[in-house]
PDB file of N, CA and C in Angstrom:
ATOM      1  N   MET A   1      -0.797 -24.566  -1.872  1.00  0.00           N
ATOM      2  CA  MET A   1      -1.529 -23.513  -1.198  1.00  0.00           C
ATOM      3  C   MET A   1      -2.282 -22.704  -2.252  1.00  0.00           C
ATOM      4  N   GLU A   2      -3.504 -22.373  -1.961  1.00  0.00           N
ATOM      5  CA  GLU A   2      -4.356 -21.639  -2.881  1.00  0.00           C
ATOM      6  C   GLU A   2      -4.394 -20.156  -2.493  1.00  0.00           C
ATOM      7  N   THR A   3      -4.273 -19.289  -3.496  1.00  0.00           N
ATOM      8  CA  THR A   3      -4.363 -17.856  -3.263  1.00  0.00           C
ATOM      9  C   THR A   3      -5.831 -17.455  -3.276  1.00  0.00           C
ATOM     10  N   LYS A   4      -6.273 -16.877  -2.166  1.00  0.00           N
ATOM     11  CA  LYS A   4      -7.671 -16.474  -2.055  1.00  0.00           C
ATOM     12  C   LYS A   4      -7.869 -15.028  -2.467  1.00  0.00           C
ATOM     13  N   SER A   5      -6.892 -14.193  -2.159  1.00  0.00           N
ATOM     14  CA  SER A   5      -6.967 -12.793  -2.551  1.00  0.00           C
ATOM     15  C   SER A   5      -5.568 -12.188  -2.494  1.00  0.00           C
ATOM     16  N   GLU A   6      -5.424 -11.050  -3.122  1.00  0.00           N
ATOM     17  CA  GLU A   6      -4.151 -10.330  -3.112  1.00  0.00           C
ATOM     18  C   GLU A   6      -4.384  -8.910  -2.638  1.00  0.00           C
ATOM     19  N   LYS A   7      -3.393  -8.399  -1.931  1.00  0.00           N
ATOM     20  CA  LYS A   7      -3.469  -7.026  -1.455  1.00  0.00           C
ATOM     21  C   LYS A   7      -2.038  -6.532  -1.279  1.00  0.00           C
ATOM     22  N   PHE A   8      -1.780  -5.303  -1.677  1.00  0.00           N
ATOM     23  CA  PHE A   8      -0.472  -4.699  -1.471  1.00  0.00           C
ATOM     24  C   PHE A   8      -0.380  -4.225  -0.032  1.00  0.00           C
ATOM     25  N   VAL A   9       0.713  -4.587   0.650  1.00  0.00           N
ATOM     26  CA  VAL A   9       0.901  -4.173   2.040  1.00  0.00           C
ATOM     27  C   VAL A   9       2.325  -3.668   2.228  1.00  0.00           C
ATOM     28  N   THR A  10       2.492  -2.806   3.198  1.00  0.00           N
ATOM     29  CA  THR A  10       3.819  -2.314   3.534  1.00  0.00           C
ATOM     30  C   THR A  10       4.573  -3.384   4.319  1.00  0.00           C
ATOM     31  N   SER A  11       5.857  -3.199   4.468  1.00  0.00           N
ATOM     32  CA  SER A  11       6.660  -4.138   5.262  1.00  0.00           C
ATOM     33  C   SER A  11       6.159  -4.177   6.696  1.00  0.00           C
ATOM     34  N   TYR A  12       5.742  -3.029   7.218  1.00  0.00           N
ATOM     35  CA  TYR A  12       5.204  -2.989   8.580  1.00  0.00           C
ATOM     36  C   TYR A  12       3.979  -3.884   8.701  1.00  0.00           C
ATOM     37  N   ASP A  13       3.057  -3.775   7.734  1.00  0.00           N
ATOM     38  CA  ASP A  13       1.852  -4.597   7.762  1.00  0.00           C
ATOM     39  C   ASP A  13       2.194  -6.078   7.624  1.00  0.00           C
ATOM     40  N   ALA A  14       3.148  -6.394   6.748  1.00  0.00           N
ATOM     41  CA  ALA A  14       3.563  -7.786   6.565  1.00  0.00           C
ATOM     42  C   ALA A  14       4.135  -8.349   7.864  1.00  0.00           C
ATOM     43  N   LEU A  15       4.954  -7.570   8.542  1.00  0.00           N
ATOM     44  CA  LEU A  15       5.540  -7.998   9.810  1.00  0.00           C
ATOM     45  C   LEU A  15       4.448  -8.264  10.848  1.00  0.00           C
ATOM     46  N   ARG A  16       3.499  -7.351  10.924  1.00  0.00           N
ATOM     47  CA  ARG A  16       2.391  -7.494  11.868  1.00  0.00           C
ATOM     48  C   ARG A  16       1.553  -8.736  11.566  1.00  0.00           C
ATOM     49  N   ILE A  17       1.258  -8.971  10.292  1.00  0.00           N
ATOM     50  CA  ILE A  17       0.464 -10.137   9.884  1.00  0.00           C
ATOM     51  C   ILE A  17       1.207 -11.425  10.199  1.00  0.00           C
ATOM     52  N   LEU A  18       2.506 -11.459   9.875  1.00  0.00           N
ATOM     53  CA  LEU A  18       3.288 -12.674  10.122  1.00  0.00           C
ATOM     54  C   LEU A  18       3.420 -12.972  11.620  1.00  0.00           C
ATOM     55  N   LYS A  19       3.592 -11.936  12.432  1.00  0.00           N
ATOM     56  CA  LYS A  19       3.656 -12.162  13.885  1.00  0.00           C
ATOM     57  C   LYS A  19       2.354 -12.743  14.407  1.00  0.00           C
ATOM     58  N   ARG A  20       1.229 -12.206  13.920  1.00  0.00           N
ATOM     59  CA  ARG A  20      -0.076 -12.708  14.343  1.00  0.00           C
ATOM     60  C   ARG A  20      -0.267 -14.162  13.904  1.00  0.00           C
ATOM     61  N   LYS A  21       0.107 -14.478  12.673  1.00  0.00           N
ATOM     62  CA  LYS A  21      -0.046 -15.846  12.168  1.00  0.00           C
ATOM     63  C   LYS A  21       0.871 -16.818  12.895  1.00  0.00           C
ATOM     64  N   SER A  22       2.053 -16.360  13.312  1.00  0.00           N
ATOM     65  CA  SER A  22       2.973 -17.258  14.020  1.00  0.00           C
ATOM     66  C   SER A  22       2.418 -17.630  15.393  1.00  0.00           C
ATOM     67  N   LYS A  23       1.652 -16.729  15.996  1.00  0.00           N
ATOM     68  CA  LYS A  23       1.027 -17.029  17.282  1.00  0.00           C
ATOM     69  C   LYS A  23      -0.145 -17.987  17.116  1.00  0.00           C
ATOM     70  N   GLU A  24      -0.815 -17.902  15.956  1.00  0.00           N
ATOM     71  CA  GLU A  24      -1.979 -18.753  15.696  1.00  0.00           C
ATOM     72  C   GLU A  24      -1.585 -20.174  15.326  1.00  0.00           C
ATOM     73  N   GLY A  25      -0.432 -20.322  14.689  1.00  0.00           N
ATOM     74  CA  GLY A  25      -0.046 -21.658  14.254  1.00  0.00           C
ATOM     75  C   GLY A  25       1.292 -21.655  13.553  1.00  0.00           C
ATOM     76  N   GLU A  26       1.571 -22.727  12.849  1.00  0.00           N
ATOM     77  CA  GLU A  26       2.850 -22.934  12.190  1.00  0.00           C
ATOM     78  C   GLU A  26       2.934 -22.118  10.891  1.00  0.00           C
ATOM     79  N   LEU A  27       4.074 -21.461  10.684  1.00  0.00           N
ATOM     80  CA  LEU A  27       4.330 -20.746   9.440  1.00  0.00           C
ATOM     81  C   LEU A  27       5.065 -21.669   8.480  1.00  0.00           C
ATOM     82  N   ASN A  28       4.859 -21.454   7.169  1.00  0.00           N
ATOM     83  CA  ASN A  28       5.624 -22.246   6.213  1.00  0.00           C
ATOM     84  C   ASN A  28       7.028 -21.647   6.064  1.00  0.00           C
ATOM     85  N   TYR A  29       7.853 -22.290   5.275  1.00  0.00           N
ATOM     86  CA  TYR A  29       9.264 -21.905   5.144  1.00  0.00           C
ATOM     87  C   TYR A  29       9.429 -20.451   4.707  1.00  0.00           C
ATOM     88  N   GLU A  30       8.718 -20.043   3.667  1.00  0.00           N
ATOM     89  CA  GLU A  30       8.834 -18.681   3.153  1.00  0.00           C
ATOM     90  C   GLU A  30       8.361 -17.648   4.178  1.00  0.00           C
ATOM     91  N   GLN A  31       7.292 -17.972   4.877  1.00  0.00           N
ATOM     92  CA  GLN A  31       6.763 -17.062   5.892  1.00  0.00           C
ATOM     93  C   GLN A  31       7.742 -16.905   7.054  1.00  0.00           C
ATOM     94  N   LYS A  32       8.371 -18.000   7.455  1.00  0.00           N
ATOM     95  CA  LYS A  32       9.367 -17.935   8.526  1.00  0.00           C
ATOM     96  C   LYS A  32      10.548 -17.059   8.115  1.00  0.00           C
ATOM     97  N   ASN A  33      11.006 -17.240   6.875  1.00  0.00           N
ATOM     98  CA  ASN A  33      12.123 -16.422   6.390  1.00  0.00           C
ATOM     99  C   ASN A  33      11.745 -14.941   6.328  1.00  0.00           C
ATOM    100  N   ALA A  34      10.552 -14.655   5.858  1.00  0.00           N
ATOM    101  CA  ALA A  34      10.092 -13.271   5.778  1.00  0.00           C
ATOM    102  C   ALA A  34       9.979 -12.652   7.169  1.00  0.00           C
ATOM    103  N   LEU A  35       9.426 -13.405   8.110  1.00  0.00           N
ATOM    104  CA  LEU A  35       9.300 -12.917   9.484  1.00  0.00           C
ATOM    105  C   LEU A  35      10.669 -12.657  10.094  1.00  0.00           C
ATOM    106  N   ASP A  36      11.599 -13.571   9.884  1.00  0.00           N
ATOM    107  CA  ASP A  36      12.953 -13.417  10.404  1.00  0.00           C
ATOM    108  C   ASP A  36      13.623 -12.171   9.815  1.00  0.00           C
ATOM    109  N   TYR A  37      13.523 -12.007   8.507  1.00  0.00           N
ATOM    110  CA  TYR A  37      14.134 -10.856   7.837  1.00  0.00           C
ATOM    111  C   TYR A  37      13.520  -9.541   8.322  1.00  0.00           C
ATOM    112  N   LEU A  38      12.200  -9.467   8.320  1.00  0.00           N
ATOM    113  CA  LEU A  38      11.531  -8.229   8.725  1.00  0.00           C
ATOM    114  C   LEU A  38      11.795  -7.902  10.192  1.00  0.00           C
ATOM    115  N   SER A  39      11.846  -8.912  11.028  1.00  0.00           N
ATOM    116  CA  SER A  39      12.116  -8.678  12.453  1.00  0.00           C
ATOM    117  C   SER A  39      13.507  -8.090  12.668  1.00  0.00           C
ATOM    118  N   LYS A  40      14.459  -8.536  11.872  1.00  0.00           N
ATOM    119  CA  LYS A  40      15.835  -8.069  12.022  1.00  0.00           C
ATOM    120  C   LYS A  40      16.065  -6.684  11.421  1.00  0.00           C
ATOM    121  N   TYR A  41      15.493  -6.442  10.247  1.00  0.00           N
ATOM    122  CA  TYR A  41      15.887  -5.268   9.478  1.00  0.00           C
ATOM    123  C   TYR A  41      14.848  -4.167   9.350  1.00  0.00           C
ATOM    124  N   TYR A  42      13.629  -4.399   9.762  1.00  0.00           N
ATOM    125  CA  TYR A  42      12.599  -3.382   9.607  1.00  0.00           C
ATOM    126  C   TYR A  42      12.302  -2.742  10.949  1.00  0.00           C
ATOM    127  N   LYS A  43      12.618  -1.456  11.087  1.00  0.00           N
ATOM    128  CA  LYS A  43      12.491  -0.776  12.373  1.00  0.00           C
ATOM    129  C   LYS A  43      11.605   0.476  12.321  1.00  0.00           C
ATOM    130  N   ALA A  44      10.728   0.599  11.332  1.00  0.00           N
ATOM    131  CA  ALA A  44       9.880   1.786  11.226  1.00  0.00           C
ATOM    132  C   ALA A  44       8.803   1.785  12.309  1.00  0.00           C
ATOM    133  N   ALA A  45       8.404   2.965  12.711  1.00  0.00           N
ATOM    134  CA  ALA A  45       7.384   3.117  13.754  1.00  0.00           C
ATOM    135  C   ALA A  45       5.983   3.085  13.131  1.00  0.00           C
ATOM    136  N   GLU A  46       5.070   2.474  13.843  1.00  0.00           N
ATOM    137  CA  GLU A  46       3.695   2.325  13.359  1.00  0.00           C
ATOM    138  C   GLU A  46       3.053   3.678  13.049  1.00  0.00           C
ATOM    139  N   LYS A  47       3.211   4.644  13.944  1.00  0.00           N
ATOM    140  CA  LYS A  47       2.599   5.961  13.743  1.00  0.00           C
ATOM    141  C   LYS A  47       3.104   6.618  12.464  1.00  0.00           C
ATOM    142  N   GLU A  48       4.410   6.539  12.245  1.00  0.00           N
ATOM    143  CA  GLU A  48       5.004   7.167  11.071  1.00  0.00           C
ATOM    144  C   GLU A  48       4.482   6.532   9.786  1.00  0.00           C
ATOM    145  N   ILE A  49       4.410   5.210   9.767  1.00  0.00           N
ATOM    146  CA  ILE A  49       3.939   4.508   8.574  1.00  0.00           C
ATOM    147  C   ILE A  49       2.481   4.857   8.290  1.00  0.00           C
ATOM    148  N   LYS A  50       1.641   4.793   9.308  1.00  0.00           N
ATOM    149  CA  LYS A  50       0.224   5.113   9.112  1.00  0.00           C
ATOM    150  C   LYS A  50       0.032   6.553   8.659  1.00  0.00           C
ATOM    151  N   SER A  51       0.773   7.456   9.262  1.00  0.00           N
ATOM    152  CA  SER A  51       0.674   8.865   8.899  1.00  0.00           C
ATOM    153  C   SER A  51       1.132   9.095   7.463  1.00  0.00           C
ATOM    154  N   LEU A  52       2.197   8.436   7.067  1.00  0.00           N
ATOM    155  CA  LEU A  52       2.708   8.558   5.699  1.00  0.00           C
ATOM    156  C   LEU A  52       1.707   7.995   4.699  1.00  0.00           C
ATOM    157  N   VAL A  53       1.142   6.839   4.989  1.00  0.00           N
ATOM    158  CA  VAL A  53       0.148   6.239   4.096  1.00  0.00           C
ATOM    159  C   VAL A  53      -1.063   7.153   3.963  1.00  0.00           C
ATOM    160  N   GLU A  54      -1.512   7.725   5.070  1.00  0.00           N
ATOM    161  CA  GLU A  54      -2.658   8.640   5.023  1.00  0.00           C
ATOM    162  C   GLU A  54      -2.332   9.888   4.214  1.00  0.00           C
ATOM    163  N   GLY A  55      -1.149  10.448   4.413  1.00  0.00           N
ATOM    164  CA  GLY A  55      -0.758  11.657   3.700  1.00  0.00           C
ATOM    165  C   GLY A  55      -0.670  11.449   2.199  1.00  0.00           C
ATOM    166  N   ILE A  56      -0.081  10.348   1.789  1.00  0.00           N
ATOM    167  CA  ILE A  56       0.053  10.064   0.365  1.00  0.00           C
ATOM    168  C   ILE A  56      -1.265   9.565  -0.208  1.00  0.00           C
ATOM    169  N   GLY A  57      -2.034   8.859   0.595  1.00  0.00           N
ATOM    170  CA  GLY A  57      -3.297   8.288   0.135  1.00  0.00           C
ATOM    171  C   GLY A  57      -4.347   9.317  -0.248  1.00  0.00           C
ATOM    172  N   LYS A  58      -4.144  10.558   0.144  1.00  0.00           N
ATOM    173  CA  LYS A  58      -5.107  11.610  -0.191  1.00  0.00           C
ATOM    174  C   LYS A  58      -5.049  11.999  -1.665  1.00  0.00           C
ATOM    175  N   MET A  59      -3.977  11.611  -2.340  1.00  0.00           N
ATOM    176  CA  MET A  59      -3.842  11.945  -3.758  1.00  0.00           C
ATOM    177  C   MET A  59      -4.687  10.983  -4.588  1.00  0.00           C
ATOM    178  N   GLU A  60      -5.544  11.517  -5.421  1.00  0.00           N
ATOM    179  CA  GLU A  60      -6.500  10.712  -6.169  1.00  0.00           C
ATOM    180  C   GLU A  60      -5.859   9.827  -7.230  1.00  0.00           C
ATOM    181  N   LYS A  61      -4.766  10.266  -7.822  1.00  0.00           N
ATOM    182  CA  LYS A  61      -4.148   9.505  -8.911  1.00  0.00           C
ATOM    183  C   LYS A  61      -3.454   8.236  -8.436  1.00  0.00           C
ATOM    184  N   LEU A  62      -3.102   8.168  -7.166  1.00  0.00           N
ATOM    185  CA  LEU A  62      -2.322   7.044  -6.669  1.00  0.00           C
ATOM    186  C   LEU A  62      -3.209   5.906  -6.200  1.00  0.00           C
ATOM    187  N   ASN A  63      -2.869   4.706  -6.627  1.00  0.00           N
ATOM    188  CA  ASN A  63      -3.602   3.533  -6.145  1.00  0.00           C
ATOM    189  C   ASN A  63      -2.804   2.867  -5.029  1.00  0.00           C
ATOM    190  N   GLU A  64      -3.303   1.769  -4.531  1.00  0.00           N
ATOM    191  CA  GLU A  64      -2.699   1.073  -3.392  1.00  0.00           C
ATOM    192  C   GLU A  64      -1.261   0.641  -3.699  1.00  0.00           C
ATOM    193  N   LYS A  65      -1.028   0.166  -4.897  1.00  0.00           N
ATOM    194  CA  LYS A  65       0.315  -0.265  -5.309  1.00  0.00           C
ATOM    195  C   LYS A  65       1.298   0.901  -5.262  1.00  0.00           C
ATOM    196  N   HIS A  66       0.884   2.057  -5.764  1.00  0.00           N
ATOM    197  CA  HIS A  66       1.750   3.237  -5.770  1.00  0.00           C
ATOM    198  C   HIS A  66       2.082   3.690  -4.347  1.00  0.00           C
ATOM    199  N   ILE A  67       1.079   3.705  -3.501  1.00  0.00           N
ATOM    200  CA  ILE A  67       1.265   4.163  -2.120  1.00  0.00           C
ATOM    201  C   ILE A  67       2.251   3.263  -1.386  1.00  0.00           C
ATOM    202  N   VAL A  68       2.076   1.950  -1.521  1.00  0.00           N
ATOM    203  CA  VAL A  68       2.981   1.014  -0.868  1.00  0.00           C
ATOM    204  C   VAL A  68       4.400   1.170  -1.422  1.00  0.00           C
ATOM    205  N   SER A  69       4.524   1.352  -2.727  1.00  0.00           N
ATOM    206  CA  SER A  69       5.854   1.536  -3.330  1.00  0.00           C
ATOM    207  C   SER A  69       6.538   2.778  -2.787  1.00  0.00           C
ATOM    208  N   ILE A  70       5.797   3.847  -2.647  1.00  0.00           N
ATOM    209  CA  ILE A  70       6.369   5.098  -2.123  1.00  0.00           C
ATOM    210  C   ILE A  70       6.800   4.907  -0.672  1.00  0.00           C
ATOM    211  N   VAL A  71       5.970   4.263   0.126  1.00  0.00           N
ATOM    212  CA  VAL A  71       6.297   4.035   1.537  1.00  0.00           C
ATOM    213  C   VAL A  71       7.531   3.154   1.663  1.00  0.00           C
ATOM    214  N   GLU A  72       7.640   2.140   0.828  1.00  0.00           N
ATOM    215  CA  GLU A  72       8.782   1.232   0.907  1.00  0.00           C
ATOM    216  C   GLU A  72      10.074   1.883   0.429  1.00  0.00           C
ATOM    217  N   MET A  73      10.005   2.688  -0.627  1.00  0.00           N
ATOM    218  CA  MET A  73      11.225   3.276  -1.191  1.00  0.00           C
ATOM    219  C   MET A  73      11.620   4.591  -0.521  1.00  0.00           C
ATOM    220  N   MET A  74      10.638   5.327  -0.028  1.00  0.00           N
ATOM    221  CA  MET A  74      10.886   6.645   0.575  1.00  0.00           C
ATOM    222  C   MET A  74      11.740   7.512  -0.370  1.00  0.00           C
ATOM    223  N   PRO A  75      11.194   7.873  -1.533  1.00  0.00           N
ATOM    224  CA  PRO A  75      11.970   8.626  -2.524  1.00  0.00           C
ATOM    225  C   PRO A  75      12.444   9.974  -1.977  1.00  0.00           C
ATOM    226  N   ARG A  76      13.662  10.331  -2.344  1.00  0.00           N
ATOM    227  CA  ARG A  76      14.247  11.578  -1.864  1.00  0.00           C
ATOM    228  C   ARG A  76      14.158  12.712  -2.868  1.00  0.00           C
ATOM    229  N   ASP A  77      14.021  12.358  -4.133  1.00  0.00           N
ATOM    230  CA  ASP A  77      13.962  13.399  -5.166  1.00  0.00           C
ATOM    231  C   ASP A  77      13.099  12.918  -6.332  1.00  0.00           C
ATOM    232  N   GLU A  78      12.966  13.780  -7.338  1.00  0.00           N
ATOM    233  CA  GLU A  78      12.107  13.459  -8.471  1.00  0.00           C
ATOM    234  C   GLU A  78      12.641  12.289  -9.285  1.00  0.00           C
ATOM    235  N   ASP A  79      13.940  12.081  -9.287  1.00  0.00           N
ATOM    236  CA  ASP A  79      14.506  10.936 -10.002  1.00  0.00           C
ATOM    237  C   ASP A  79      14.042   9.626  -9.378  1.00  0.00           C
ATOM    238  N   ASP A  80      14.008   9.580  -8.049  1.00  0.00           N
ATOM    239  CA  ASP A  80      13.506   8.388  -7.364  1.00  0.00           C
ATOM    240  C   ASP A  80      12.028   8.151  -7.690  1.00  0.00           C
ATOM    241  N   LEU A  81      11.257   9.219  -7.727  1.00  0.00           N
ATOM    242  CA  LEU A  81       9.836   9.089  -8.079  1.00  0.00           C
ATOM    243  C   LEU A  81       9.680   8.583  -9.505  1.00  0.00           C
ATOM    244  N   ARG A  82      10.498   9.097 -10.395  1.00  0.00           N
ATOM    245  CA  ARG A  82      10.444   8.677 -11.790  1.00  0.00           C
ATOM    246  C   ARG A  82      10.674   7.162 -11.897  1.00  0.00           C
ATOM    247  N   LEU A  83      11.597   6.654 -11.098  1.00  0.00           N
ATOM    248  CA  LEU A  83      11.849   5.209 -11.091  1.00  0.00           C
ATOM    249  C   LEU A  83      10.619   4.420 -10.650  1.00  0.00           C
ATOM    250  N   LEU A  84       9.931   4.927  -9.640  1.00  0.00           N
ATOM    251  CA  LEU A  84       8.737   4.238  -9.140  1.00  0.00           C
ATOM    252  C   LEU A  84       7.631   4.153 -10.188  1.00  0.00           C
ATOM    253  N   PHE A  85       7.494   5.187 -10.978  1.00  0.00           N
ATOM    254  CA  PHE A  85       6.393   5.255 -11.935  1.00  0.00           C
ATOM    255  C   PHE A  85       6.832   4.992 -13.373  1.00  0.00           C
ATOM    256  N   ALA A  86       8.044   4.471 -13.573  1.00  0.00           N
ATOM    257  CA  ALA A  86       8.585   4.258 -14.912  1.00  0.00           C
ATOM    258  C   ALA A  86       7.731   3.302 -15.748  1.00  0.00           C
ATOM    259  N   ASN A  87       7.190   2.272 -15.141  1.00  0.00           N
ATOM    260  CA  ASN A  87       6.420   1.279 -15.896  1.00  0.00           C
ATOM    261  C   ASN A  87       4.920   1.487 -15.812  1.00  0.00           C
ATOM    262  N   ASP A  88       4.486   2.566 -15.214  1.00  0.00           N
ATOM    263  CA  ASP A  88       3.060   2.863 -15.101  1.00  0.00           C
ATOM    264  C   ASP A  88       2.678   3.972 -16.059  1.00  0.00           C
ATOM    265  N   ARG A  89       1.419   4.022 -16.346  1.00  0.00           N
ATOM    266  CA  ARG A  89       0.925   5.059 -17.257  1.00  0.00           C
ATOM    267  C   ARG A  89       0.378   6.258 -16.497  1.00  0.00           C
ATOM    268  N   ILE A  90       0.877   6.480 -15.335  1.00  0.00           N
ATOM    269  CA  ILE A  90       0.426   7.598 -14.520  1.00  0.00           C
ATOM    270  C   ILE A  90       1.344   8.793 -14.768  1.00  0.00           C
ATOM    271  N   VAL A  91       0.740   9.950 -14.929  1.00  0.00           N
ATOM    272  CA  VAL A  91       1.507  11.171 -15.136  1.00  0.00           C
ATOM    273  C   VAL A  91       1.215  12.103 -13.966  1.00  0.00           C
ATOM    274  N   LEU A  92       2.256  12.432 -13.219  1.00  0.00           N
ATOM    275  CA  LEU A  92       2.109  13.329 -12.082  1.00  0.00           C
ATOM    276  C   LEU A  92       2.583  14.721 -12.461  1.00  0.00           C
ATOM    277  N   SER A  93       1.843  15.706 -12.019  1.00  0.00           N
ATOM    278  CA  SER A  93       2.260  17.086 -12.249  1.00  0.00           C
ATOM    279  C   SER A  93       3.417  17.417 -11.309  1.00  0.00           C
ATOM    280  N   ASP A  94       4.078  18.532 -11.577  1.00  0.00           N
ATOM    281  CA  ASP A  94       5.179  18.948 -10.713  1.00  0.00           C
ATOM    282  C   ASP A  94       4.696  19.200  -9.290  1.00  0.00           C
ATOM    283  N   ASP A  95       3.491  19.762  -9.158  1.00  0.00           N
ATOM    284  CA  ASP A  95       2.936  20.012  -7.822  1.00  0.00           C
ATOM    285  C   ASP A  95       2.668  18.705  -7.074  1.00  0.00           C
ATOM    286  N   GLU A  96       2.170  17.713  -7.788  1.00  0.00           N
ATOM    287  CA  GLU A  96       1.903  16.421  -7.154  1.00  0.00           C
ATOM    288  C   GLU A  96       3.202  15.748  -6.720  1.00  0.00           C
ATOM    289  N   LYS A  97       4.222  15.853  -7.553  1.00  0.00           N
ATOM    290  CA  LYS A  97       5.528  15.286  -7.189  1.00  0.00           C
ATOM    291  C   LYS A  97       6.088  15.974  -5.947  1.00  0.00           C
ATOM    292  N   LYS A  98       5.983  17.295  -5.922  1.00  0.00           N
ATOM    293  CA  LYS A  98       6.482  18.046  -4.766  1.00  0.00           C
ATOM    294  C   LYS A  98       5.714  17.688  -3.501  1.00  0.00           C
ATOM    295  N   LYS A  99       4.410  17.498  -3.651  1.00  0.00           N
ATOM    296  CA  LYS A  99       3.591  17.135  -2.490  1.00  0.00           C
ATOM    297  C   LYS A  99       4.006  15.770  -1.942  1.00  0.00           C
ATOM    298  N   ILE A 100       4.198  14.797  -2.825  1.00  0.00           N
ATOM    299  CA  ILE A 100       4.633  13.465  -2.401  1.00  0.00           C
ATOM    300  C   ILE A 100       5.972  13.562  -1.687  1.00  0.00           C
ATOM    301  N   LEU A 101       6.916  14.270  -2.288  1.00  0.00           N
ATOM    302  CA  LEU A 101       8.255  14.379  -1.701  1.00  0.00           C
ATOM    303  C   LEU A 101       8.231  15.111  -0.359  1.00  0.00           C
ATOM    304  N   SER A 102       7.365  16.113  -0.227  1.00  0.00           N
ATOM    305  CA  SER A 102       7.291  16.830   1.048  1.00  0.00           C
ATOM    306  C   SER A 102       6.693  15.947   2.136  1.00  0.00           C
ATOM    307  N   VAL A 103       5.695  15.144   1.792  1.00  0.00           N
ATOM    308  CA  VAL A 103       5.095  14.234   2.776  1.00  0.00           C
ATOM    309  C   VAL A 103       6.131  13.192   3.198  1.00  0.00           C
ATOM    310  N   VAL A 104       6.875  12.649   2.246  1.00  0.00           N
ATOM    311  CA  VAL A 104       7.903  11.650   2.548  1.00  0.00           C
ATOM    312  C   VAL A 104       8.993  12.276   3.419  1.00  0.00           C
ATOM    313  N   LYS A 105       9.418  13.465   3.051  1.00  0.00           N
ATOM    314  CA  LYS A 105      10.482  14.138   3.823  1.00  0.00           C
ATOM    315  C   LYS A 105      10.047  14.397   5.253  1.00  0.00           C
ATOM    316  N   LYS A 106       8.797  14.775   5.418  1.00  0.00           N
ATOM    317  CA  LYS A 106       8.254  15.038   6.755  1.00  0.00           C
ATOM    318  C   LYS A 106       8.290  13.793   7.635  1.00  0.00           C
ATOM    319  N   HIS A 107       8.113  12.621   7.038  1.00  0.00           N
ATOM    320  CA  HIS A 107       8.026  11.379   7.801  1.00  0.00           C
ATOM    321  C   HIS A 107       9.326  10.566   7.834  1.00  0.00           C
ATOM    322  N   SER A 108      10.337  11.020   7.131  1.00  0.00           N
ATOM    323  CA  SER A 108      11.600  10.267   7.150  1.00  0.00           C
ATOM    324  C   SER A 108      12.578  10.955   8.101  1.00  0.00           C
ATOM    325  N   LYS A 109      13.420  10.140   8.710  1.00  0.00           N
ATOM    326  CA  LYS A 109      14.364  10.690   9.670  1.00  0.00           C
ATOM    327  C   LYS A 109      15.725  10.126   9.432  1.00  0.00           C
TER     328      LYS A 109
END
């Protein structure tokens, strides 16, 4: 199989894409396993995910990879954020960290 393009997506988006592809035709082994796993264990609501992505996406320093990582991990404190950005050369101010955490807290239940 040839890779035509790459894009970072949330688990919600992956689940949606895999469901659509399964209706269109046959999935390969890895895709079937991913669809099965996401169907069983991923229960986030579409509105919440979109709202969270929009809220975090307003920050200029964050790229698509960072946004997806934050949505997937749902960091609870600055230590969790530090883990997400440990291998990146991005430096967030205290205000930016607080903003990210407040947006995540607002959307997590």
